[in-house]
Amino acid sequence: MTLYGEKSPPADDRPTVQVTAVTWPDEGSEPVTTAVPGELDGGPGRPRRVRMLLAAGITGAVLAAVAGAGAWAYAGDVPRGTSVLGTELGGRSRPDADRELRAELDRRAATLGAPLKVTVDGRTAEINPAEVGLAVDVPATVAAAAEADAHPVSRLVGSRTVEPVVTVDEDRLDGALRKVLGEQAQGMTMPAITYQGTTPKVVPPKPGLTLNPQRSAEVVRAGWLAGAPVTVPLVETHPATTPEELDRLVSELAKPAVAAPVTLRTNKGSLTIPPAAIAKSLRFSADKAGKLTPSVDVKRLRTALGDKLATIEAPPKDATMKIAGNRPTTTEGRAGQQLDAAALSRDLLAVLPKADGREVTGELKATPPQLTGEKLASLGIKERVSTFTTRFTGGMASSRSQNIATIARKVDGTVVLPGKTFSLNGHTGERGYAQGYRDAPVILDGKLVPGVGGGTSQFTTTLFNATYYAGLEDVEHKPHSYWFDRYPAVIESTIFWPSLDFKFRNNTEYGVLIDTSYTSSTITVSIWSTKIYDSVKTEYGPRRNITTPKQIHLAPGPSCIETNGINGFTQDAFRVIKKDGAVVKREKFTWRYDAEPRYVCGPKTS
């Protein structure tokens, strides 16, 4: 049969085939006959009961051809006609396809490893593909190629392109892109509920424009393969807590929570939790997505209740260590009984929305000390590692000297566990009149004025130097605005509640004991632990950028404190740490001191 629109092959190209015909007689009455070409109809007068077999030779040839083509089309794991990055992987086994694709990536290594130009909110920079984990996942790409959809005819004559599977470290990419963006991103305004006294104060949520790590990764993966500059979009993000949900939290929890007190009952007695204590302990915390979650902070509640809990709770006491006879001695701690904080937080939160039935039952649980004598003895606190002393005037009758002694007593005997960070503000808390501190000169707005807690900066400087010469890690400190000759230049620190703190980290495997002592004219801080370094010393650079003080006249009165003025300067100090005879660390500290004016109480005289 010839299809319309196609030409028949020439006669001499057609195969010559012997055809055999077989007849099936009705009811077995006629024999099988054979026929030659031209007699397929049975001939004149022949019965038409003959059933023909197809030309056996042609059929066999076609089936053989189809079978051969099918075997060729389905050879290998990857369908024929499949390519990745312009490289034909079709017909190959997975290992062969893997090798071929890796060879292609090696040929493109210079291009794929070149810095990628990215633009974020109009700011353009280059990022290193390797530093953000950009790579072609070869096994995953070969697997995708092997699973490419290809029906039988397509396998014979079709083709298809499979995109490589590209990986990227989303966190590292997001960090690199945020450096490009800088401070230009308009972050979300997180919802917040706080209290001013017992009045809820609300910060409504607002959307922001920022990077979305998943979306950024998507466009960077595509752009990297294309070898073209990439523009990373900023995505509008909305806090998870909506304005409507925020209003509901205020009306259903924040306001009723402080509308009345709550009664706390225990088997040791009862007490009343006033609204002011509730306001200080009820927290509304927003996570990174802006989801606001309420909770009761029992630690804050304890602080707000103060001595009221003393009639119910017996707090545990940690083991302590003191220096006696020039060696550390340990005193065992004791267990206590305290309210189950998790249960109290849960139960109190449940009754705060209620107008009636504002009562909770607290369960007292045995509370072991955090630091036992056995653990304390195992910390390796065995020798004095460093000590530092500064001097003061006025004797112990001076308010300033009293403040130094007060804070020294508060810190004395403190043990800092390995890996932990000590905060002076966190340890002492607020330093006010209620805590035994007195008025003494402090630096405020560039001049000395009377202020509660004056002198505690001298203790801070002494403690800083003791930890500095012990080789401990400096986490946070700030030198004074002016240099005072009672302190070493640069290597000193001020403190102010709550904005300025001093922190150090115990970056050793041993415990650290802070030992303090004072006389009528000196304050000394020593660090006890296990000695690690041969020595810790300071090397100073020369003073530079020296400035001289100005004379300033102030109104006379009790708040005016005269000064002689001090030169300002910039200086470098290097902490040099040696171990096993070699320098293992050299740290640079730099500070710029202002020139302290010469303050005169009274008007200018002609």
Protein backbone atom coordinates (compact mmCIF):
# COMPACT_ATOMS: atom_id res chain seq x y z
CA MET A 1 0.00 0.00 0.00
CA THR A 2 1.26 3.48 -0.85
CA LEU A 3 0.52 6.47 1.37
CA TYR A 4 -0.67 9.63 -0.38
CA GLY A 5 2.05 12.18 -0.68
CA GLU A 6 4.89 9.63 -0.66
CA LYS A 7 6.78 8.27 -3.64
CA SER A 8 7.01 4.56 -4.24
CA PRO A 9 10.52 3.17 -4.36
CA PRO A 10 11.84 2.14 -7.78
CA ALA A 11 10.76 -1.32 -8.95
CA ASP A 12 14.27 -2.71 -8.82
CA ASP A 13 14.50 -1.76 -5.13
CA ARG A 14 11.54 -3.86 -4.12
CA PRO A 15 12.28 -7.26 -2.60
CA THR A 16 11.24 -10.42 -4.43
CA VAL A 17 9.54 -12.76 -2.01
CA GLN A 18 7.99 -16.19 -2.35
CA VAL A 19 4.48 -16.09 -0.88
CA THR A 20 2.73 -19.16 0.43
CA ALA A 21 -1.05 -19.34 0.68
CA VAL A 22 -2.91 -21.82 2.80
CA THR A 23 -6.59 -22.75 2.58
CA TRP A 24 -8.75 -23.87 5.42
CA PRO A 25 -11.54 -26.05 3.94
CA ASP A 26 -15.00 -25.71 5.43
CA GLU A 27 -15.76 -28.64 7.66
CA GLY A 28 -12.44 -30.22 6.57
CA SER A 29 -13.65 -30.93 2.97
CA GLU A 30 -10.80 -29.34 1.01
CA PRO A 31 -7.07 -29.92 1.00
CA VAL A 32 -4.36 -27.35 1.53
CA THR A 33 -3.19 -25.83 -1.75
CA THR A 34 -0.31 -23.61 -2.75
CA ALA A 35 -0.37 -20.74 -5.18
CA VAL A 36 2.19 -18.78 -7.10
CA PRO A 37 2.24 -14.98 -7.31
CA GLY A 38 -0.75 -13.65 -9.21
CA GLU A 39 -3.13 -16.31 -7.94
CA LEU A 40 -3.92 -14.92 -4.53
CA ASP A 41 -7.60 -14.64 -5.31
CA GLY A 42 -7.82 -18.37 -5.91
CA GLY A 43 -8.25 -18.04 -9.65
CA PRO A 44 -11.37 -18.40 -11.72
CA GLY A 45 -13.78 -20.92 -10.35
CA ARG A 46 -11.70 -21.55 -7.22
CA PRO A 47 -13.46 -21.42 -3.85
CA ARG A 48 -12.93 -18.08 -1.86
CA ARG A 49 -12.41 -19.91 1.38
CA VAL A 50 -8.64 -19.27 1.25
CA ARG A 51 -7.14 -17.35 4.20
CA MET A 52 -3.82 -15.71 3.41
CA LEU A 53 -0.74 -15.47 5.55
CA LEU A 54 1.12 -12.17 5.44
CA ALA A 55 4.31 -12.16 3.49
CA ALA A 56 6.45 -13.96 5.99
CA GLY A 57 9.73 -12.60 4.69
CA ILE A 58 8.66 -8.93 4.88
CA THR A 59 7.13 -9.32 8.33
CA GLY A 60 10.24 -10.92 9.74
CA ALA A 61 12.47 -8.24 8.30
CA VAL A 62 10.35 -5.43 9.74
CA LEU A 63 10.10 -7.05 13.16
CA ALA A 64 13.83 -7.64 13.21
CA ALA A 65 14.46 -4.01 12.29
CA VAL A 66 12.08 -2.77 14.99
CA ALA A 67 13.65 -5.05 17.56
CA GLY A 68 17.13 -3.80 16.68
CA ALA A 69 16.08 -0.17 16.82
CA GLY A 70 14.40 -0.72 20.20
CA ALA A 71 17.51 -2.29 21.62
CA TRP A 72 19.57 0.66 20.39
CA ALA A 73 17.09 3.24 21.73
CA TYR A 74 16.96 1.68 25.21
CA ALA A 75 20.66 1.02 25.58
CA GLY A 76 22.22 2.64 28.71
CA ASP A 77 20.56 4.23 31.78
CA VAL A 78 20.07 7.68 30.23
CA PRO A 79 17.55 7.98 27.35
CA ARG A 80 19.16 8.69 23.98
CA GLY A 81 18.97 12.31 22.92
CA THR A 82 19.41 13.60 26.49
CA SER A 83 21.99 16.33 27.10
CA VAL A 84 23.15 18.40 30.08
CA LEU A 85 25.10 21.64 29.63
CA GLY A 86 25.39 20.80 25.92
CA THR A 87 26.98 17.42 26.64
CA GLU A 88 25.28 14.30 25.26
CA LEU A 89 24.69 11.82 28.07
CA GLY A 90 22.10 9.70 26.23
CA GLY A 91 22.74 5.99 25.86
CA ARG A 92 25.29 5.99 28.69
CA SER A 93 25.28 4.11 31.96
CA ARG A 94 25.04 6.22 35.08
CA PRO A 95 28.77 5.87 35.91
CA ASP A 96 29.70 6.85 32.33
CA ALA A 97 27.29 9.78 32.38
CA ASP A 98 28.74 10.87 35.75
CA ARG A 99 32.29 10.85 34.33
CA GLU A 100 31.26 12.71 31.17
CA LEU A 101 29.43 15.41 33.12
CA ARG A 102 32.34 15.90 35.50
CA ALA A 103 34.67 16.26 32.53
CA GLU A 104 32.41 18.98 31.12
CA LEU A 105 32.40 20.77 34.48
CA ASP A 106 36.20 20.61 34.54
CA ARG A 107 36.24 22.26 31.11
CA ARG A 108 33.99 25.02 32.47
CA ALA A 109 35.84 25.37 35.80
CA ALA A 110 37.25 28.82 35.03
CA THR A 111 33.83 30.18 34.08
CA LEU A 112 31.92 28.57 36.93
CA GLY A 113 34.55 29.58 39.48
CA ALA A 114 34.68 33.22 38.39
CA PRO A 115 33.22 35.86 40.75
CA LEU A 116 29.49 36.30 40.27
CA LYS A 117 28.24 39.86 39.99
CA VAL A 118 25.13 40.42 42.11
CA THR A 119 22.95 43.48 42.57
CA VAL A 120 20.78 43.95 45.65
CA ASP A 121 18.58 47.03 45.92
CA GLY A 122 20.83 48.96 43.55
CA ARG A 123 24.10 47.98 45.24
CA THR A 124 26.44 45.76 43.21
CA ALA A 125 29.24 43.50 44.38
CA GLU A 126 30.91 40.23 43.49
CA ILE A 127 30.63 36.99 45.44
CA ASN A 128 32.86 33.94 45.19
CA PRO A 129 30.76 30.91 44.12
CA ALA A 130 32.85 28.51 46.21
CA GLU A 131 32.40 30.61 49.36
CA VAL A 132 28.61 30.33 49.18
CA GLY A 133 28.60 26.65 48.17
CA LEU A 134 27.51 27.06 44.54
CA ALA A 135 28.11 23.73 42.76
CA VAL A 136 26.54 21.26 40.34
CA ASP A 137 25.30 18.15 42.13
CA VAL A 138 26.55 15.61 39.60
CA PRO A 139 24.87 12.46 41.02
CA ALA A 140 21.52 14.25 41.33
CA THR A 141 21.84 15.66 37.81
CA VAL A 142 22.64 12.23 36.31
CA ALA A 143 19.69 10.76 38.19
CA ALA A 144 17.43 13.47 36.74
CA ALA A 145 18.77 12.75 33.25
CA ALA A 146 18.14 9.02 33.68
CA GLU A 147 14.56 9.72 34.71
CA ALA A 148 13.88 12.11 31.83
CA ASP A 149 10.48 11.49 30.22
CA ALA A 150 11.09 10.00 26.75
CA HIS A 151 8.53 7.78 24.96
CA PRO A 152 9.76 5.14 22.47
CA VAL A 153 9.57 7.27 19.30
CA SER A 154 11.28 10.19 21.10
CA ARG A 155 14.09 7.86 22.11
CA LEU A 156 14.65 7.07 18.43
CA VAL A 157 14.44 10.50 16.85
CA GLY A 158 13.85 13.07 19.65
CA SER A 159 16.08 15.08 21.98
CA ARG A 160 15.74 16.76 25.33
CA THR A 161 17.79 19.00 27.60
CA VAL A 162 17.97 18.40 31.36
CA GLU A 163 18.89 21.35 33.61
CA PRO A 164 21.72 20.65 36.07
CA VAL A 165 20.84 20.32 39.74
CA VAL A 166 22.62 23.28 41.39
CA THR A 167 23.25 23.45 45.14
CA VAL A 168 24.02 26.48 47.30
CA ASP A 169 24.46 27.07 51.02
CA GLU A 170 21.47 29.32 51.71
CA ASP A 171 22.81 30.61 55.03
CA ARG A 172 26.21 31.57 53.63
CA LEU A 173 24.63 33.10 50.53
CA ASP A 174 22.19 35.09 52.66
CA GLY A 175 25.07 36.38 54.78
CA ALA A 176 27.04 37.46 51.70
CA LEU A 177 24.03 39.20 50.16
CA ARG A 178 23.25 41.02 53.41
CA LYS A 179 26.76 42.44 53.37
CA VAL A 180 26.04 43.78 49.88
CA LEU A 181 22.72 45.20 51.05
CA GLY A 182 24.22 46.81 54.14
CA GLU A 183 21.81 48.86 56.20
CA GLN A 184 19.49 49.61 53.30
CA ALA A 185 16.99 46.84 54.02
CA GLN A 186 13.79 47.97 55.60
CA GLY A 187 13.29 45.33 58.24
CA MET A 188 9.94 44.37 59.65
CA THR A 189 8.70 46.28 62.66
CA MET A 190 8.10 43.49 65.12
CA PRO A 191 4.95 43.61 67.21
CA ALA A 192 5.51 44.23 70.90
CA ILE A 193 3.57 44.55 74.13
CA THR A 194 5.32 46.00 77.15
CA TYR A 195 4.17 47.67 80.34
CA GLN A 196 4.67 51.16 81.63
CA GLY A 197 3.79 50.50 85.22
CA THR A 198 0.62 48.45 84.76
CA THR A 199 -0.42 50.07 81.47
CA PRO A 200 0.14 47.99 78.30
CA LYS A 201 2.15 49.77 75.61
CA VAL A 202 1.83 48.44 72.05
CA VAL A 203 4.14 48.54 69.03
CA PRO A 204 2.05 47.59 65.95
CA PRO A 205 3.60 45.28 63.35
CA LYS A 206 4.70 46.71 60.01
CA PRO A 207 5.93 44.91 56.87
CA GLY A 208 9.47 45.27 55.64
CA LEU A 209 11.49 44.74 52.48
CA THR A 210 14.27 42.26 52.97
CA LEU A 211 16.04 39.28 51.48
CA ASN A 212 14.26 35.95 51.34
CA PRO A 213 16.94 33.21 51.52
CA GLN A 214 14.96 30.72 49.41
CA ARG A 215 14.13 33.25 46.69
CA SER A 216 17.72 34.56 46.68
CA ALA A 217 19.08 31.04 46.26
CA GLU A 218 16.70 30.39 43.37
CA VAL A 219 17.78 33.39 41.28
CA VAL A 220 21.48 33.00 42.11
CA ARG A 221 21.49 29.33 41.07
CA ALA A 222 19.95 30.22 37.72
CA GLY A 223 22.21 33.22 37.13
CA TRP A 224 25.38 31.37 38.03
CA LEU A 225 24.90 28.79 35.28
CA ALA A 226 23.96 31.45 32.76
CA GLY A 227 27.16 33.36 33.58
CA ALA A 228 25.19 36.59 33.71
CA PRO A 229 24.92 39.28 36.44
CA VAL A 230 22.19 38.49 38.94
CA THR A 231 19.68 40.90 40.42
CA VAL A 232 18.47 39.55 43.74
CA PRO A 233 15.00 40.83 44.62
CA LEU A 234 13.89 42.13 47.98
CA VAL A 235 10.71 40.53 49.21
CA GLU A 236 8.01 42.19 51.27
CA THR A 237 7.66 40.33 54.53
CA HIS A 238 4.92 40.66 57.12
CA PRO A 239 5.23 39.77 60.80
CA ALA A 240 3.37 36.57 61.65
CA THR A 241 1.30 38.38 64.30
CA THR A 242 -1.19 40.65 62.54
CA PRO A 243 -2.53 43.94 63.95
CA GLU A 244 -5.82 42.18 64.63
CA GLU A 245 -4.09 39.41 66.60
CA LEU A 246 -2.10 42.02 68.51
CA ASP A 247 -5.29 43.85 69.51
CA ARG A 248 -6.76 40.55 70.65
CA LEU A 249 -3.72 39.80 72.83
CA VAL A 250 -4.04 43.20 74.47
CA SER A 251 -7.78 42.99 75.12
CA GLU A 252 -7.85 39.31 76.12
CA LEU A 253 -4.59 39.04 78.08
CA ALA A 254 -2.40 42.11 78.58
CA LYS A 255 -5.14 44.29 80.11
CA PRO A 256 -7.01 41.70 82.22
CA ALA A 257 -3.68 40.28 83.46
CA VAL A 258 -3.00 43.41 85.54
CA ALA A 259 -6.60 44.23 86.41
CA ALA A 260 -6.43 42.42 89.77
CA PRO A 261 -3.97 40.49 91.96
CA VAL A 262 -3.51 36.71 91.88
CA THR A 263 -3.40 34.52 94.98
CA LEU A 264 -0.59 31.97 95.13
CA ARG A 265 -1.26 29.07 97.53
CA THR A 266 1.32 26.50 98.69
CA ASN A 267 1.57 23.98 101.52
CA LYS A 268 3.89 26.47 103.25
CA GLY A 269 1.42 29.35 103.09
CA SER A 270 -0.09 31.83 100.65
CA LEU A 271 0.85 35.19 99.23
CA THR A 272 -0.63 37.79 96.89
CA ILE A 273 0.96 38.57 93.54
CA PRO A 274 0.14 42.25 92.89
CA PRO A 275 -0.53 43.65 89.39
CA ALA A 276 2.83 45.46 89.41
CA ALA A 277 4.68 42.12 89.84
CA ILE A 278 2.54 40.55 87.11
CA ALA A 279 3.42 43.41 84.73
CA LYS A 280 7.14 42.88 85.37
CA SER A 281 6.98 39.12 84.76
CA LEU A 282 4.45 38.82 81.89
CA ARG A 283 6.50 38.81 78.69
CA PHE A 284 5.42 38.94 75.04
CA SER A 285 8.31 37.64 72.96
CA ALA A 286 8.51 37.89 69.16
CA ASP A 287 10.46 35.27 67.21
CA LYS A 288 12.28 35.95 63.93
CA ALA A 289 9.03 35.63 62.00
CA GLY A 290 7.30 38.17 64.23
CA LYS A 291 5.15 35.64 66.06
CA LEU A 292 4.28 37.08 69.48
CA THR A 293 4.10 34.53 72.30
CA PRO A 294 3.15 35.35 75.90
CA SER A 295 4.86 33.73 78.88
CA VAL A 296 5.47 34.32 82.57
CA ASP A 297 9.14 34.78 83.50
CA VAL A 298 9.34 33.27 86.99
CA LYS A 299 12.85 34.65 87.53
CA ARG A 300 11.50 38.18 87.00
CA LEU A 301 8.52 37.34 89.19
CA ARG A 302 10.85 36.31 92.02
CA THR A 303 12.71 39.61 91.71
CA ALA A 304 9.46 41.59 91.65
CA LEU A 305 8.12 39.79 94.74
CA GLY A 306 11.36 40.32 96.65
CA ASP A 307 11.20 39.19 100.27
CA LYS A 308 7.63 37.90 99.96
CA LEU A 309 8.86 34.52 98.70
CA ALA A 310 11.20 34.11 101.66
CA THR A 311 8.26 32.91 103.77
CA ILE A 312 7.62 30.10 101.27
CA GLU A 313 10.87 29.27 99.49
CA ALA A 314 14.28 28.24 100.78
CA PRO A 315 16.71 28.85 97.91
CA PRO A 316 19.60 26.42 97.39
CA LYS A 317 23.10 27.56 98.26
CA ASP A 318 26.01 26.74 95.99
CA ALA A 319 29.29 25.45 97.33
CA THR A 320 31.75 28.28 97.86
CA MET A 321 35.50 28.72 97.74
CA LYS A 322 37.64 31.16 99.67
CA ILE A 323 41.36 31.78 99.93
CA ALA A 324 42.60 30.99 103.41
CA GLY A 325 46.22 30.54 104.35
CA ASN A 326 47.17 31.33 100.74
CA ARG A 327 45.27 28.31 99.42
CA PRO A 328 41.68 27.73 98.23
CA THR A 329 39.26 26.02 100.62
CA THR A 330 35.79 24.72 99.75
CA THR A 331 32.56 24.95 101.74
CA GLU A 332 29.80 22.54 100.73
CA GLY A 333 26.50 23.95 99.46
CA ARG A 334 23.00 22.93 100.52
CA ALA A 335 19.76 22.02 98.77
CA GLY A 336 16.67 24.20 99.00
CA GLN A 337 12.95 24.15 98.30
CA GLN A 338 11.60 26.32 95.51
CA LEU A 339 8.44 26.66 93.48
CA ASP A 340 8.27 24.55 90.34
CA ALA A 341 9.00 27.39 87.88
CA ALA A 342 7.66 25.65 84.76
CA ALA A 343 4.35 24.70 86.41
CA LEU A 344 3.93 28.13 88.02
CA SER A 345 4.57 29.89 84.70
CA ARG A 346 2.01 27.69 82.93
CA ASP A 347 -0.68 27.92 85.62
CA LEU A 348 -0.29 31.65 86.19
CA LEU A 349 -0.55 32.37 82.45
CA ALA A 350 -3.80 30.39 82.37
CA VAL A 351 -5.54 32.51 85.05
CA LEU A 352 -4.32 35.95 83.99
CA PRO A 353 -7.07 36.46 81.35
CA LYS A 354 -9.78 35.69 83.94
CA ALA A 355 -11.77 38.23 85.93
CA ASP A 356 -12.67 35.67 88.61
CA GLY A 357 -10.93 32.63 90.04
CA ARG A 358 -7.53 34.32 89.97
CA GLU A 359 -5.80 31.73 92.11
CA VAL A 360 -2.99 29.25 91.47
CA THR A 361 -1.45 26.46 93.52
CA GLY A 362 2.31 26.35 93.62
CA GLU A 363 4.26 23.14 94.16
CA LEU A 364 7.47 23.29 96.17
CA LYS A 365 10.24 21.04 94.88
CA ALA A 366 13.58 20.07 96.33
CA THR A 367 16.20 22.13 94.49
CA PRO A 368 19.84 20.98 94.55
CA PRO A 369 22.63 23.56 94.31
CA GLN A 370 24.01 24.18 90.85
CA LEU A 371 27.56 23.92 92.15
CA THR A 372 28.38 21.14 94.62
CA GLY A 373 31.56 20.88 96.66
CA GLU A 374 32.64 17.85 94.65
CA LYS A 375 32.24 19.65 91.34
CA LEU A 376 33.96 22.77 92.67
CA ALA A 377 36.92 20.72 93.87
CA SER A 378 37.28 19.16 90.40
CA LEU A 379 37.62 22.46 88.55
CA GLY A 380 41.39 22.80 88.93
CA ILE A 381 41.32 25.98 91.04
CA LYS A 382 44.64 25.47 92.78
CA GLU A 383 46.97 28.46 92.31
CA ARG A 384 47.02 32.21 91.88
CA VAL A 385 47.33 32.98 88.19
CA SER A 386 47.34 36.80 88.33
CA THR A 387 46.83 39.70 90.72
CA PHE A 388 46.38 43.44 90.26
CA THR A 389 46.19 46.36 92.70
CA THR A 390 45.16 50.01 92.32
CA ARG A 391 45.35 52.78 94.92
CA PHE A 392 42.80 55.35 96.08
CA THR A 393 42.77 58.26 98.53
CA GLY A 394 40.42 59.41 101.25
CA GLY A 395 40.50 56.35 103.50
CA MET A 396 37.47 54.23 104.29
CA ALA A 397 35.54 57.25 105.55
CA SER A 398 35.23 58.40 101.93
CA SER A 399 31.98 57.54 100.13
CA ARG A 400 34.01 56.64 97.06
CA SER A 401 36.13 54.20 99.06
CA GLN A 402 32.98 52.69 100.58
CA ASN A 403 31.57 52.07 97.10
CA ILE A 404 34.79 50.29 96.09
CA ALA A 405 34.61 48.06 99.15
CA THR A 406 30.89 47.33 98.60
CA ILE A 407 31.31 46.10 95.04
CA ALA A 408 34.47 44.18 95.98
CA ARG A 409 32.55 42.24 98.65
CA LYS A 410 29.79 41.50 96.15
CA VAL A 411 32.22 39.94 93.67
CA ASP A 412 34.55 38.20 96.14
CA GLY A 413 34.47 34.40 95.88
CA THR A 414 32.74 34.31 92.49
CA VAL A 415 33.47 31.15 90.49
CA VAL A 416 33.26 31.31 86.69
CA LEU A 417 32.87 27.88 85.11
CA PRO A 418 34.81 26.87 81.96
CA GLY A 419 33.34 28.43 78.83
CA LYS A 420 31.08 30.83 80.76
CA THR A 421 31.01 34.63 80.50
CA PHE A 422 31.04 36.84 83.58
CA SER A 423 29.11 40.14 83.45
CA LEU A 424 29.81 42.65 86.22
CA ASN A 425 26.43 44.36 85.74
CA GLY A 426 24.73 40.99 85.61
CA HIS A 427 26.46 39.85 88.80
CA THR A 428 25.91 42.94 90.96
CA GLY A 429 22.63 44.12 89.49
CA GLU A 430 21.67 47.74 89.94
CA ARG A 431 24.06 49.68 92.14
CA GLY A 432 21.85 52.16 93.95
CA TYR A 433 21.15 53.42 97.44
CA ALA A 434 19.09 50.33 98.27
CA GLN A 435 22.13 48.15 97.53
CA GLY A 436 24.38 50.13 99.89
CA TYR A 437 26.10 52.46 97.42
CA ARG A 438 26.68 56.15 98.12
CA ASP A 439 27.05 59.38 96.18
CA ALA A 440 30.56 60.05 94.88
CA PRO A 441 32.01 61.76 91.78
CA VAL A 442 31.15 60.14 88.41
CA ILE A 443 31.80 61.28 84.84
CA LEU A 444 28.55 62.41 83.22
CA ASP A 445 28.36 64.35 79.96
CA GLY A 446 32.09 64.96 80.05
CA LYS A 447 32.40 66.35 83.58
CA LEU A 448 32.62 65.10 87.13
CA VAL A 449 29.34 65.31 89.04
CA PRO A 450 28.06 63.60 92.19
CA GLY A 451 26.37 60.29 91.42
CA VAL A 452 25.45 57.10 93.24
CA GLY A 453 28.11 54.41 92.91
CA GLY A 454 31.08 56.63 92.09
CA GLY A 455 34.30 54.66 92.49
CA THR A 456 32.99 51.36 91.13
CA SER A 457 34.90 52.08 87.92
CA GLN A 458 38.14 51.77 89.89
CA PHE A 459 37.13 48.28 90.97
CA THR A 460 36.17 47.52 87.35
CA THR A 461 39.61 48.58 86.14
CA THR A 462 41.27 46.43 88.80
CA LEU A 463 39.16 43.40 87.87
CA PHE A 464 39.77 43.98 84.16
CA ASN A 465 43.53 44.00 84.65
CA ALA A 466 43.44 40.86 86.80
CA THR A 467 41.57 38.95 84.07
CA TYR A 468 43.72 40.58 81.38
CA TYR A 469 46.96 39.35 82.96
CA ALA A 470 45.41 35.91 83.54
CA GLY A 471 45.09 35.65 79.75
CA LEU A 472 41.28 35.39 79.91
CA GLU A 473 39.17 36.49 76.93
CA ASP A 474 38.06 40.12 76.88
CA VAL A 475 34.39 40.24 75.81
CA GLU A 476 33.32 43.80 76.61
CA HIS A 477 34.93 46.82 78.23
CA LYS A 478 35.22 50.54 77.64
CA PRO A 479 38.02 52.79 78.91
CA HIS A 480 37.22 56.16 80.48
CA SER A 481 36.73 59.29 78.39
CA TYR A 482 39.66 60.87 80.24
CA TRP A 483 42.87 59.24 81.45
CA PHE A 484 43.53 59.20 85.19
CA ASP A 485 47.08 58.47 86.27
CA ARG A 486 45.91 56.01 88.93
CA TYR A 487 45.06 53.64 86.04
CA PRO A 488 47.29 52.11 83.34
CA ALA A 489 46.64 53.86 80.03
CA VAL A 490 44.35 51.99 77.60
CA ILE A 491 44.24 48.89 79.85
CA GLU A 492 41.41 50.12 82.06
CA SER A 493 37.61 50.13 82.09
CA THR A 494 34.66 52.14 83.31
CA ILE A 495 31.17 50.91 84.16
CA PHE A 496 27.72 52.45 84.44
CA TRP A 497 24.39 50.83 85.20
CA PRO A 498 22.83 49.61 82.95
CA SER A 499 24.43 50.89 79.75
CA LEU A 500 28.16 50.20 80.25
CA ASP A 501 29.28 46.74 81.34
CA PHE A 502 32.48 44.77 81.79
CA LYS A 503 32.51 41.15 80.64
CA PHE A 504 35.14 38.47 80.32
CA ARG A 505 34.93 34.83 79.24
CA ASN A 506 36.63 31.93 80.95
CA ASN A 507 38.18 30.49 77.80
CA THR A 508 40.04 27.75 79.68
CA GLU A 509 39.16 24.20 80.70
CA TYR A 510 39.49 25.10 84.39
CA GLY A 511 37.34 27.02 86.83
CA VAL A 512 38.19 30.64 87.68
CA LEU A 513 37.90 32.07 91.20
CA ILE A 514 37.78 35.85 91.69
CA ASP A 515 39.36 36.81 95.01
CA THR A 516 39.07 40.43 96.20
CA SER A 517 40.59 42.29 99.13
CA TYR A 518 40.99 45.92 100.12
CA THR A 519 42.68 48.23 102.60
CA SER A 520 42.02 51.87 103.42
CA SER A 521 43.99 52.87 100.31
CA THR A 522 44.13 49.88 97.93
CA ILE A 523 41.86 47.45 96.11
CA THR A 524 43.29 44.11 94.93
CA VAL A 525 41.77 41.47 92.65
CA SER A 526 43.43 38.06 92.17
CA ILE A 527 42.49 35.28 89.75
CA TRP A 528 42.91 31.69 90.96
CA SER A 529 42.84 28.74 88.56
CA THR A 530 45.41 26.51 86.86
CA LYS A 531 48.22 28.46 85.23
CA ILE A 532 48.36 27.98 81.45
CA TYR A 533 50.78 30.64 80.18
CA ASP A 534 54.40 31.41 80.99
CA SER A 535 53.72 35.14 81.05
CA VAL A 536 51.28 37.86 80.01
CA LYS A 537 52.80 41.31 79.50
CA THR A 538 51.90 44.68 77.97
CA GLU A 539 53.94 46.51 75.36
CA TYR A 540 53.01 50.16 74.76
CA GLY A 541 53.29 52.21 71.61
CA PRO A 542 54.10 55.94 71.87
CA ARG A 543 51.38 58.45 72.69
CA ARG A 544 50.21 60.45 69.68
CA ASN A 545 47.64 63.09 68.71
CA ILE A 546 48.17 64.86 72.03
CA THR A 547 45.63 67.59 72.87
CA THR A 548 45.66 70.09 75.75
CA PRO A 549 42.73 70.89 78.06
CA LYS A 550 40.49 73.92 77.80
CA GLN A 551 39.40 75.96 80.78
CA ILE A 552 35.65 75.94 81.44
CA HIS A 553 33.84 77.94 84.11
CA LEU A 554 30.83 76.35 85.82
CA ALA A 555 28.22 77.76 88.14
CA PRO A 556 29.35 77.22 91.71
CA GLY A 557 27.35 74.85 93.88
CA PRO A 558 27.31 71.33 95.31
CA SER A 559 27.20 69.73 91.84
CA CYS A 560 30.32 71.57 90.65
CA ILE A 561 33.60 69.65 91.01
CA GLU A 562 36.78 71.44 89.99
CA THR A 563 39.51 69.62 88.02
CA ASN A 564 43.05 70.53 86.98
CA GLY A 565 42.61 69.24 83.42
CA ILE A 566 44.36 66.33 81.72
CA ASN A 567 45.97 66.05 78.28
CA GLY A 568 44.23 63.92 75.67
CA PHE A 569 46.08 61.39 73.52
CA THR A 570 45.84 58.18 71.49
CA GLN A 571 47.88 55.11 72.40
CA ASP A 572 48.24 51.43 71.51
CA ALA A 573 48.79 48.64 74.02
CA PHE A 574 49.68 45.08 73.04
CA ARG A 575 48.90 42.08 75.23
CA VAL A 576 51.72 39.60 74.62
CA ILE A 577 51.05 36.04 75.82
CA LYS A 578 53.83 33.44 75.95
CA LYS A 579 53.57 29.68 76.39
CA ASP A 580 56.39 27.14 76.30
CA GLY A 581 58.82 29.97 75.59
CA ALA A 582 57.05 31.23 72.46
CA VAL A 583 54.56 34.06 71.81
CA VAL A 584 51.19 32.39 71.21
CA LYS A 585 49.05 35.52 71.11
CA ARG A 586 49.59 39.23 70.53
CA GLU A 587 46.47 41.38 70.94
CA LYS A 588 46.21 45.08 70.13
CA PHE A 589 44.16 47.48 72.25
CA THR A 590 43.81 51.11 71.14
CA TRP A 591 42.05 54.02 72.81
CA ARG A 592 41.65 57.74 72.21
CA TYR A 593 41.43 59.85 75.39
CA ASP A 594 39.81 63.26 75.26
CA ALA A 595 41.51 66.16 76.98
CA GLU A 596 39.67 66.67 80.27
CA PRO A 597 38.86 70.39 80.59
CA ARG A 598 40.07 72.41 83.54
CA TYR A 599 36.75 73.00 85.27
CA VAL A 600 36.56 76.09 87.46
CA CYS A 601 33.59 76.72 89.75
CA GLY A 602 32.78 80.39 89.28
CA PRO A 603 32.75 83.09 86.61
CA LYS A 604 35.79 84.32 84.73
CA THR A 605 37.77 87.04 86.43
CA SER A 606 39.23 89.87 84.45
